[in-house]
Amino acid sequence: MSSERSTREGPVEILLVEDNLADVRLTIEAFREASVSARLRIARNGDEALVLLRRGRGEANLPRPDLILLDLNMPGVDGRTVLAEVKADPALRDIPVLVLTTSSADHDKACAASLGADSYFIKPMALEAFVDLIRVIDRTWIETA
């Protein structure tokens, strides 16, 4: 996205795991509007996310994400499974995983917490509110990544 941080060499690497194309576009636009220096790699489902994470350690040598933004409700391998696998893998478990979902259900929040999510955010649908959320994520998670 845009501006470089003086405390970091280059943009932060973020894996966005999101099956909804409109939400992917909204997230990208929110990062731009918030002027957060980040390189977003998109996984359209849980299967793709796990492949990207494992390939980052293997032959493709993809950059390891500094942060994972994870939707919970996706077809096939859902966010809960991705979260459980990331937190069970010694090579990945220290990557902060922020759940970014439309679900405000208490059981989803409790499940995410029990699986090791580092934080839980409900996706705003309006761009301005999403930009504000990305700024919070930037201050709380990205600046320290």
C-alpha atoms as a PDB file:
ATOM      1  CA  MET A   1       0.000   0.000   0.000  1.00  0.00           C
ATOM      2  CA  SER A   2       1.696   3.380   0.442  1.00  0.00           C
ATOM      3  CA  SER A   3       3.860   5.195   3.002  1.00  0.00           C
ATOM      4  CA  GLU A   4       6.988   3.544   4.404  1.00  0.00           C
ATOM      5  CA  ARG A   5       7.523   3.432   8.147  1.00  0.00           C
ATOM      6  CA  SER A   6      10.849   4.614   9.437  1.00  0.00           C
ATOM      7  CA  THR A   7      10.883   1.874  12.082  1.00  0.00           C
ATOM      8  CA  ARG A   8      10.681  -0.918   9.536  1.00  0.00           C
ATOM      9  CA  GLU A   9      12.482  -1.911   6.374  1.00  0.00           C
ATOM     10  CA  GLY A  10       9.654  -2.116   3.881  1.00  0.00           C
ATOM     11  CA  PRO A  11       5.988  -2.887   4.290  1.00  0.00           C
ATOM     12  CA  VAL A  12       4.573  -5.405   6.717  1.00  0.00           C
ATOM     13  CA  GLU A  13       3.537  -8.730   5.142  1.00  0.00           C
ATOM     14  CA  ILE A  14      -0.137  -9.518   5.755  1.00  0.00           C
ATOM     15  CA  LEU A  15      -2.026 -12.624   4.722  1.00  0.00           C
ATOM     16  CA  LEU A  16      -5.698 -11.751   4.251  1.00  0.00           C
ATOM     17  CA  VAL A  17      -7.853 -14.890   4.275  1.00  0.00           C
ATOM     18  CA  GLU A  18     -11.203 -13.841   2.836  1.00  0.00           C
ATOM     19  CA  ASP A  19     -13.597 -15.548   0.437  1.00  0.00           C
ATOM     20  CA  ASN A  20     -15.810 -12.535  -0.284  1.00  0.00           C
ATOM     21  CA  LEU A  21     -14.406 -10.446  -3.143  1.00  0.00           C
ATOM     22  CA  ALA A  22     -16.280  -7.308  -2.015  1.00  0.00           C
ATOM     23  CA  ASP A  23     -14.702  -7.647   1.449  1.00  0.00           C
ATOM     24  CA  VAL A  24     -11.263  -8.123  -0.135  1.00  0.00           C
ATOM     25  CA  ARG A  25     -11.732  -4.906  -2.114  1.00  0.00           C
ATOM     26  CA  LEU A  26     -13.011  -3.050   0.955  1.00  0.00           C
ATOM     27  CA  THR A  27     -10.015  -4.223   3.001  1.00  0.00           C
ATOM     28  CA  ILE A  28      -7.542  -3.164   0.316  1.00  0.00           C
ATOM     29  CA  GLU A  29      -9.198   0.245   0.022  1.00  0.00           C
ATOM     30  CA  ALA A  30      -9.234   0.672   3.822  1.00  0.00           C
ATOM     31  CA  PHE A  31      -5.489  -0.026   3.972  1.00  0.00           C
ATOM     32  CA  ARG A  32      -4.918   2.573   1.227  1.00  0.00           C
ATOM     33  CA  GLU A  33      -7.108   5.176   2.906  1.00  0.00           C
ATOM     34  CA  ALA A  34      -5.432   4.553   6.280  1.00  0.00           C
ATOM     35  CA  SER A  35      -1.978   4.958   4.642  1.00  0.00           C
ATOM     36  CA  VAL A  36      -0.730   1.730   6.178  1.00  0.00           C
ATOM     37  CA  SER A  37       2.440   0.365   4.641  1.00  0.00           C
ATOM     38  CA  ALA A  38       1.493  -3.254   4.020  1.00  0.00           C
ATOM     39  CA  ARG A  39       1.823  -5.879   1.348  1.00  0.00           C
ATOM     40  CA  LEU A  40      -1.410  -7.886   1.299  1.00  0.00           C
ATOM     41  CA  ARG A  41      -1.321 -11.442   0.018  1.00  0.00           C
ATOM     42  CA  ILE A  42      -4.848 -12.743  -0.525  1.00  0.00           C
ATOM     43  CA  ALA A  43      -6.018 -16.291   0.144  1.00  0.00           C
ATOM     44  CA  ARG A  44      -9.589 -16.831  -1.075  1.00  0.00           C
ATOM     45  CA  ASN A  45     -10.263 -19.738   1.311  1.00  0.00           C
ATOM     46  CA  GLY A  46      -8.754 -21.744   4.132  1.00  0.00           C
ATOM     47  CA  ASP A  47      -7.188 -24.338   1.833  1.00  0.00           C
ATOM     48  CA  GLU A  48      -5.351 -21.645  -0.090  1.00  0.00           C
ATOM     49  CA  ALA A  49      -4.215 -19.964   3.140  1.00  0.00           C
ATOM     50  CA  LEU A  50      -2.699 -23.176   4.481  1.00  0.00           C
ATOM     51  CA  VAL A  51      -0.950 -23.860   1.167  1.00  0.00           C
ATOM     52  CA  LEU A  52       0.514 -20.329   1.129  1.00  0.00           C
ATOM     53  CA  LEU A  53       1.669 -20.609   4.736  1.00  0.00           C
ATOM     54  CA  ARG A  54       3.311 -23.981   4.153  1.00  0.00           C
ATOM     55  CA  ARG A  55       4.883 -22.914   0.840  1.00  0.00           C
ATOM     56  CA  GLY A  56       6.395 -19.950   2.630  1.00  0.00           C
ATOM     57  CA  ARG A  57       8.561 -22.487   4.450  1.00  0.00           C
ATOM     58  CA  GLY A  58       9.237 -24.610   1.392  1.00  0.00           C
ATOM     59  CA  GLU A  59      10.281 -24.483  -2.204  1.00  0.00           C
ATOM     60  CA  ALA A  60       8.389 -21.328  -3.197  1.00  0.00           C
ATOM     61  CA  ASN A  61      10.033 -19.359  -0.386  1.00  0.00           C
ATOM     62  CA  LEU A  62       7.165 -16.900  -0.048  1.00  0.00           C
ATOM     63  CA  PRO A  63       7.617 -14.170   2.551  1.00  0.00           C
ATOM     64  CA  ARG A  64       6.384 -15.237   5.957  1.00  0.00           C
ATOM     65  CA  PRO A  65       3.417 -13.104   6.983  1.00  0.00           C
ATOM     66  CA  ASP A  66       3.916 -10.743   9.894  1.00  0.00           C
ATOM     67  CA  LEU A  67       0.176 -10.833  10.517  1.00  0.00           C
ATOM     68  CA  ILE A  68      -2.851 -12.875   9.420  1.00  0.00           C
ATOM     69  CA  LEU A  69      -6.305 -11.303   8.990  1.00  0.00           C
ATOM     70  CA  LEU A  70      -8.707 -14.222   9.019  1.00  0.00           C
ATOM     71  CA  ASP A  71     -12.384 -14.529   8.161  1.00  0.00           C
ATOM     72  CA  LEU A  72     -14.147 -17.288  10.099  1.00  0.00           C
ATOM     73  CA  ASN A  73     -16.973 -18.293   7.804  1.00  0.00           C
ATOM     74  CA  MET A  74     -15.737 -19.649   4.501  1.00  0.00           C
ATOM     75  CA  PRO A  75     -16.740 -22.694   2.470  1.00  0.00           C
ATOM     76  CA  GLY A  76     -14.479 -25.730   2.715  1.00  0.00           C
ATOM     77  CA  VAL A  77     -11.698 -25.236   5.227  1.00  0.00           C
ATOM     78  CA  ASP A  78     -13.057 -22.448   7.409  1.00  0.00           C
ATOM     79  CA  GLY A  79     -11.240 -19.869   9.508  1.00  0.00           C
ATOM     80  CA  ARG A  80     -11.539 -21.922  12.686  1.00  0.00           C
ATOM     81  CA  THR A  81      -9.603 -24.768  11.078  1.00  0.00           C
ATOM     82  CA  VAL A  82      -6.962 -22.381   9.710  1.00  0.00           C
ATOM     83  CA  LEU A  83      -6.592 -20.765  13.132  1.00  0.00           C
ATOM     84  CA  ALA A  84      -6.263 -24.145  14.864  1.00  0.00           C
ATOM     85  CA  GLU A  85      -3.637 -25.337  12.363  1.00  0.00           C
ATOM     86  CA  VAL A  86      -1.618 -22.114  12.525  1.00  0.00           C
ATOM     87  CA  LYS A  87      -1.548 -22.104  16.319  1.00  0.00           C
ATOM     88  CA  ALA A  88      -0.658 -25.834  16.437  1.00  0.00           C
ATOM     89  CA  ASP A  89       2.299 -25.418  14.058  1.00  0.00           C
ATOM     90  CA  PRO A  90       5.529 -24.456  15.876  1.00  0.00           C
ATOM     91  CA  ALA A  91       6.794 -22.667  12.750  1.00  0.00           C
ATOM     92  CA  LEU A  92       3.654 -20.504  12.458  1.00  0.00           C
ATOM     93  CA  ARG A  93       2.136 -20.148  15.926  1.00  0.00           C
ATOM     94  CA  ASP A  94       3.895 -16.879  16.740  1.00  0.00           C
ATOM     95  CA  ILE A  95       2.264 -15.081  13.790  1.00  0.00           C
ATOM     96  CA  PRO A  96      -0.516 -12.903  15.225  1.00  0.00           C
ATOM     97  CA  VAL A  97      -3.901 -13.999  13.885  1.00  0.00           C
ATOM     98  CA  LEU A  98      -6.622 -11.371  13.965  1.00  0.00           C
ATOM     99  CA  VAL A  99     -10.103 -12.656  13.252  1.00  0.00           C
ATOM    100  CA  LEU A 100     -11.896 -10.200  10.958  1.00  0.00           C
ATOM    101  CA  THR A 101     -15.456 -11.405  10.485  1.00  0.00           C
ATOM    102  CA  THR A 102     -19.067 -10.310  10.233  1.00  0.00           C
ATOM    103  CA  SER A 103     -20.049 -12.595  13.123  1.00  0.00           C
ATOM    104  CA  SER A 104     -20.786 -10.942  16.449  1.00  0.00           C
ATOM    105  CA  ALA A 105     -21.947 -14.259  17.957  1.00  0.00           C
ATOM    106  CA  ASP A 106     -20.553 -14.951  21.420  1.00  0.00           C
ATOM    107  CA  HIS A 107     -19.865 -18.593  20.517  1.00  0.00           C
ATOM    108  CA  ASP A 108     -17.691 -17.495  17.567  1.00  0.00           C
ATOM    109  CA  LYS A 109     -15.748 -15.084  19.793  1.00  0.00           C
ATOM    110  CA  ALA A 110     -15.270 -17.793  22.428  1.00  0.00           C
ATOM    111  CA  CYS A 111     -14.232 -20.358  19.827  1.00  0.00           C
ATOM    112  CA  ALA A 112     -11.691 -17.984  18.272  1.00  0.00           C
ATOM    113  CA  ALA A 113     -10.256 -17.171  21.697  1.00  0.00           C
ATOM    114  CA  SER A 114     -10.026 -20.848  22.640  1.00  0.00           C
ATOM    115  CA  LEU A 115      -8.168 -21.594  19.399  1.00  0.00           C
ATOM    116  CA  GLY A 116      -5.608 -18.862  20.095  1.00  0.00           C
ATOM    117  CA  ALA A 117      -6.792 -15.855  18.093  1.00  0.00           C
ATOM    118  CA  ASP A 118      -4.830 -12.795  19.101  1.00  0.00           C
ATOM    119  CA  SER A 119      -7.794 -10.491  18.584  1.00  0.00           C
ATOM    120  CA  TYR A 120     -11.342 -10.500  17.222  1.00  0.00           C
ATOM    121  CA  PHE A 121     -12.839  -7.708  15.114  1.00  0.00           C
ATOM    122  CA  ILE A 122     -16.269  -7.399  13.545  1.00  0.00           C
ATOM    123  CA  LYS A 123     -16.010  -6.125   9.981  1.00  0.00           C
ATOM    124  CA  PRO A 124     -17.591  -2.742   9.435  1.00  0.00           C
ATOM    125  CA  MET A 125     -19.389  -2.451   6.127  1.00  0.00           C
ATOM    126  CA  ALA A 126     -18.824   1.286   5.651  1.00  0.00           C
ATOM    127  CA  LEU A 127     -15.430   2.360   4.285  1.00  0.00           C
ATOM    128  CA  GLU A 128     -14.882   5.110   6.873  1.00  0.00           C
ATOM    129  CA  ALA A 129     -15.494   2.725   9.774  1.00  0.00           C
ATOM    130  CA  PHE A 130     -13.278   0.111   8.117  1.00  0.00           C
ATOM    131  CA  VAL A 131     -10.487   2.679   7.726  1.00  0.00           C
ATOM    132  CA  ASP A 132     -10.804   3.495  11.436  1.00  0.00           C
ATOM    133  CA  LEU A 133     -10.529  -0.214  12.254  1.00  0.00           C
ATOM    134  CA  ILE A 134      -7.438  -0.605  10.057  1.00  0.00           C
ATOM    135  CA  ARG A 135      -5.857   2.343  11.887  1.00  0.00           C
ATOM    136  CA  VAL A 136      -6.530   0.586  15.210  1.00  0.00           C
ATOM    137  CA  ILE A 137      -5.009  -2.624  13.835  1.00  0.00           C
ATOM    138  CA  ASP A 138      -2.038  -0.604  12.561  1.00  0.00           C
ATOM    139  CA  ARG A 139      -1.389   1.024  15.945  1.00  0.00           C
ATOM    140  CA  THR A 140      -1.988  -2.136  17.938  1.00  0.00           C
ATOM    141  CA  TRP A 141      -0.511  -4.874  15.737  1.00  0.00           C
ATOM    142  CA  ILE A 142       1.278  -3.671  12.614  1.00  0.00           C
ATOM    143  CA  GLU A 143       3.558  -1.061  14.148  1.00  0.00           C
ATOM    144  CA  THR A 144       4.891  -3.739  16.484  1.00  0.00           C
ATOM    145  CA  ALA A 145       5.125  -6.519  13.875  1.00  0.00           C
END
